[in-house]
C-alpha atoms as a PDB file:
ATOM      1  CA  MET A   1     -34.938 -39.358 -33.259  1.00  0.00           C
ATOM      2  CA  TYR A   2     -33.910 -42.957 -33.754  1.00  0.00           C
ATOM      3  CA  ALA A   3     -33.289 -44.570 -37.140  1.00  0.00           C
ATOM      4  CA  GLY A   4     -36.010 -47.130 -36.426  1.00  0.00           C
ATOM      5  CA  ASP A   5     -38.492 -44.318 -35.818  1.00  0.00           C
ATOM      6  CA  VAL A   6     -37.681 -42.790 -39.195  1.00  0.00           C
ATOM      7  CA  LEU A   7     -38.170 -46.137 -40.945  1.00  0.00           C
ATOM      8  CA  LEU A   8     -41.407 -46.821 -39.079  1.00  0.00           C
ATOM      9  CA  GLY A   9     -42.668 -43.323 -39.843  1.00  0.00           C
ATOM     10  CA  ALA A  10     -41.965 -43.736 -43.542  1.00  0.00           C
ATOM     11  CA  LYS A  11     -43.786 -47.070 -43.658  1.00  0.00           C
ATOM     12  CA  LEU A  12     -46.756 -45.643 -41.760  1.00  0.00           C
ATOM     13  CA  ASP A  13     -46.873 -42.652 -44.120  1.00  0.00           C
ATOM     14  CA  ALA A  14     -46.939 -45.058 -47.057  1.00  0.00           C
ATOM     15  CA  ALA A  15     -49.714 -47.032 -45.347  1.00  0.00           C
ATOM     16  CA  GLY A  16     -51.716 -43.837 -44.925  1.00  0.00           C
ATOM     17  CA  ALA A  17     -51.308 -43.088 -48.611  1.00  0.00           C
ATOM     18  CA  SER A  18     -52.464 -46.617 -49.453  1.00  0.00           C
ATOM     19  CA  LEU A  19     -55.565 -46.179 -47.318  1.00  0.00           C
ATOM     20  CA  THR A  20     -56.307 -42.942 -49.142  1.00  0.00           C
ATOM     21  CA  MET A  21     -56.192 -44.887 -52.415  1.00  0.00           C
ATOM     22  CA  ILE A  22     -58.461 -47.649 -51.037  1.00  0.00           C
ATOM     23  CA  SER A  23     -61.107 -45.281 -49.677  1.00  0.00           C
ATOM     24  CA  PRO A  24     -62.741 -44.347 -53.019  1.00  0.00           C
ATOM     25  CA  HIS A  25     -63.148 -48.044 -53.841  1.00  0.00           C
ATOM     26  CA  VAL A  26     -64.959 -48.576 -50.530  1.00  0.00           C
ATOM     27  CA  ASP A  27     -67.271 -45.658 -51.322  1.00  0.00           C
ATOM     28  CA  GLU A  28     -67.886 -47.066 -54.798  1.00  0.00           C
ATOM     29  CA  LEU A  29     -68.666 -50.511 -53.393  1.00  0.00           C
ATOM     30  CA  ALA A  30     -71.138 -49.011 -50.907  1.00  0.00           C
ATOM     31  CA  ALA A  31     -72.911 -47.072 -53.667  1.00  0.00           C
ATOM     32  CA  ASP A  32     -73.040 -50.147 -55.910  1.00  0.00           C
ATOM     33  CA  ALA A  33     -74.431 -52.259 -53.066  1.00  0.00           C
ATOM     34  CA  LYS A  34     -77.148 -49.672 -52.414  1.00  0.00           C
ATOM     35  CA  THR A  35     -78.050 -49.558 -56.106  1.00  0.00           C
ATOM     36  CA  ALA A  36     -78.131 -53.351 -56.303  1.00  0.00           C
ATOM     37  CA  LEU A  37     -80.462 -53.570 -53.311  1.00  0.00           C
ATOM     38  CA  GLU A  38     -82.740 -50.929 -54.811  1.00  0.00           C
ATOM     39  CA  GLU A  39     -82.869 -52.792 -58.124  1.00  0.00           C
ATOM     40  CA  VAL A  40     -83.440 -56.356 -56.850  1.00  0.00           C
ATOM     41  CA  ALA A  41     -87.191 -56.134 -57.395  1.00  0.00           C
ATOM     42  CA  SER A  42     -86.942 -54.215 -60.675  1.00  0.00           C
ATOM     43  CA  THR A  43     -88.421 -55.721 -63.807  1.00  0.00           C
ATOM     44  CA  ASP A  44     -85.393 -54.463 -65.760  1.00  0.00           C
ATOM     45  CA  PRO A  45     -82.232 -56.143 -64.480  1.00  0.00           C
ATOM     46  CA  THR A  46     -79.874 -53.803 -66.375  1.00  0.00           C
ATOM     47  CA  ARG A  47     -78.990 -51.544 -63.423  1.00  0.00           C
ATOM     48  CA  LEU A  48     -78.745 -54.514 -61.072  1.00  0.00           C
ATOM     49  CA  ARG A  49     -76.267 -56.264 -63.356  1.00  0.00           C
ATOM     50  CA  ALA A  50     -74.244 -53.073 -63.811  1.00  0.00           C
ATOM     51  CA  ALA A  51     -74.135 -52.444 -60.055  1.00  0.00           C
ATOM     52  CA  LEU A  52     -73.075 -56.021 -59.350  1.00  0.00           C
ATOM     53  CA  GLU A  53     -70.345 -55.869 -61.986  1.00  0.00           C
ATOM     54  CA  SER A  54     -69.051 -52.514 -60.798  1.00  0.00           C
ATOM     55  CA  GLY A  55     -69.217 -53.642 -57.170  1.00  0.00           C
ATOM     56  CA  GLY A  56     -67.289 -56.781 -58.031  1.00  0.00           C
ATOM     57  CA  GLN A  57     -64.552 -54.709 -59.631  1.00  0.00           C
ATOM     58  CA  ALA A  58     -64.412 -52.408 -56.599  1.00  0.00           C
ATOM     59  CA  ALA A  59     -64.235 -55.405 -54.253  1.00  0.00           C
ATOM     60  CA  THR A  60     -61.381 -56.880 -56.280  1.00  0.00           C
ATOM     61  CA  ALA A  61     -59.485 -53.588 -56.137  1.00  0.00           C
ATOM     62  CA  ILE A  62     -60.053 -53.366 -52.364  1.00  0.00           C
ATOM     63  CA  SER A  63     -58.864 -56.928 -51.874  1.00  0.00           C
ATOM     64  CA  THR A  64     -55.719 -56.401 -53.947  1.00  0.00           C
ATOM     65  CA  GLU A  65     -54.818 -53.086 -52.359  1.00  0.00           C
ATOM     66  CA  THR A  66     -55.433 -54.274 -48.784  1.00  0.00           C
ATOM     67  CA  SER A  67     -53.337 -57.375 -49.442  1.00  0.00           C
ATOM     68  CA  ASP A  68     -50.506 -55.167 -50.704  1.00  0.00           C
ATOM     69  CA  LEU A  69     -50.882 -52.953 -47.639  1.00  0.00           C
ATOM     70  CA  ARG A  70     -50.856 -55.946 -45.295  1.00  0.00           C
ATOM     71  CA  GLU A  71     -47.646 -57.212 -46.893  1.00  0.00           C
ATOM     72  CA  ALA A  72     -46.030 -53.775 -46.656  1.00  0.00           C
ATOM     73  CA  LEU A  73     -46.817 -53.592 -42.934  1.00  0.00           C
ATOM     74  CA  ALA A  74     -45.819 -57.164 -42.110  1.00  0.00           C
ATOM     75  CA  GLY A  75     -42.972 -57.416 -39.677  1.00  0.00           C
ATOM     76  CA  LEU A  76     -43.361 -53.938 -38.225  1.00  0.00           C
ATOM     77  CA  SER A  77     -43.165 -53.551 -34.488  1.00  0.00           C
ATOM     78  CA  GLY A  78     -46.535 -54.517 -33.065  1.00  0.00           C
ATOM     79  CA  ASP A  79     -47.403 -56.859 -35.938  1.00  0.00           C
ATOM     80  CA  GLY A  80     -48.900 -60.073 -34.660  1.00  0.00           C
ATOM     81  CA  PRO A  81     -51.148 -61.265 -31.876  1.00  0.00           C
END
């Protein structure tokens, strides 16, 4: 095994772990979006507001974590067009 393979493997393992951390936020965002759509026509906007707020927080977490992941993978072999 080459040293570069070991380094690449470690970075890809870390990327896999990052994706595992992002996944629950994606599930949360999907559930919040579904709730928001269900509540759009409701006369009580409480659940709609809560779903939008929670979904916004999930989207922010996804954005931050994917940005961190993108930076961690930058420069690896195969990065680029």
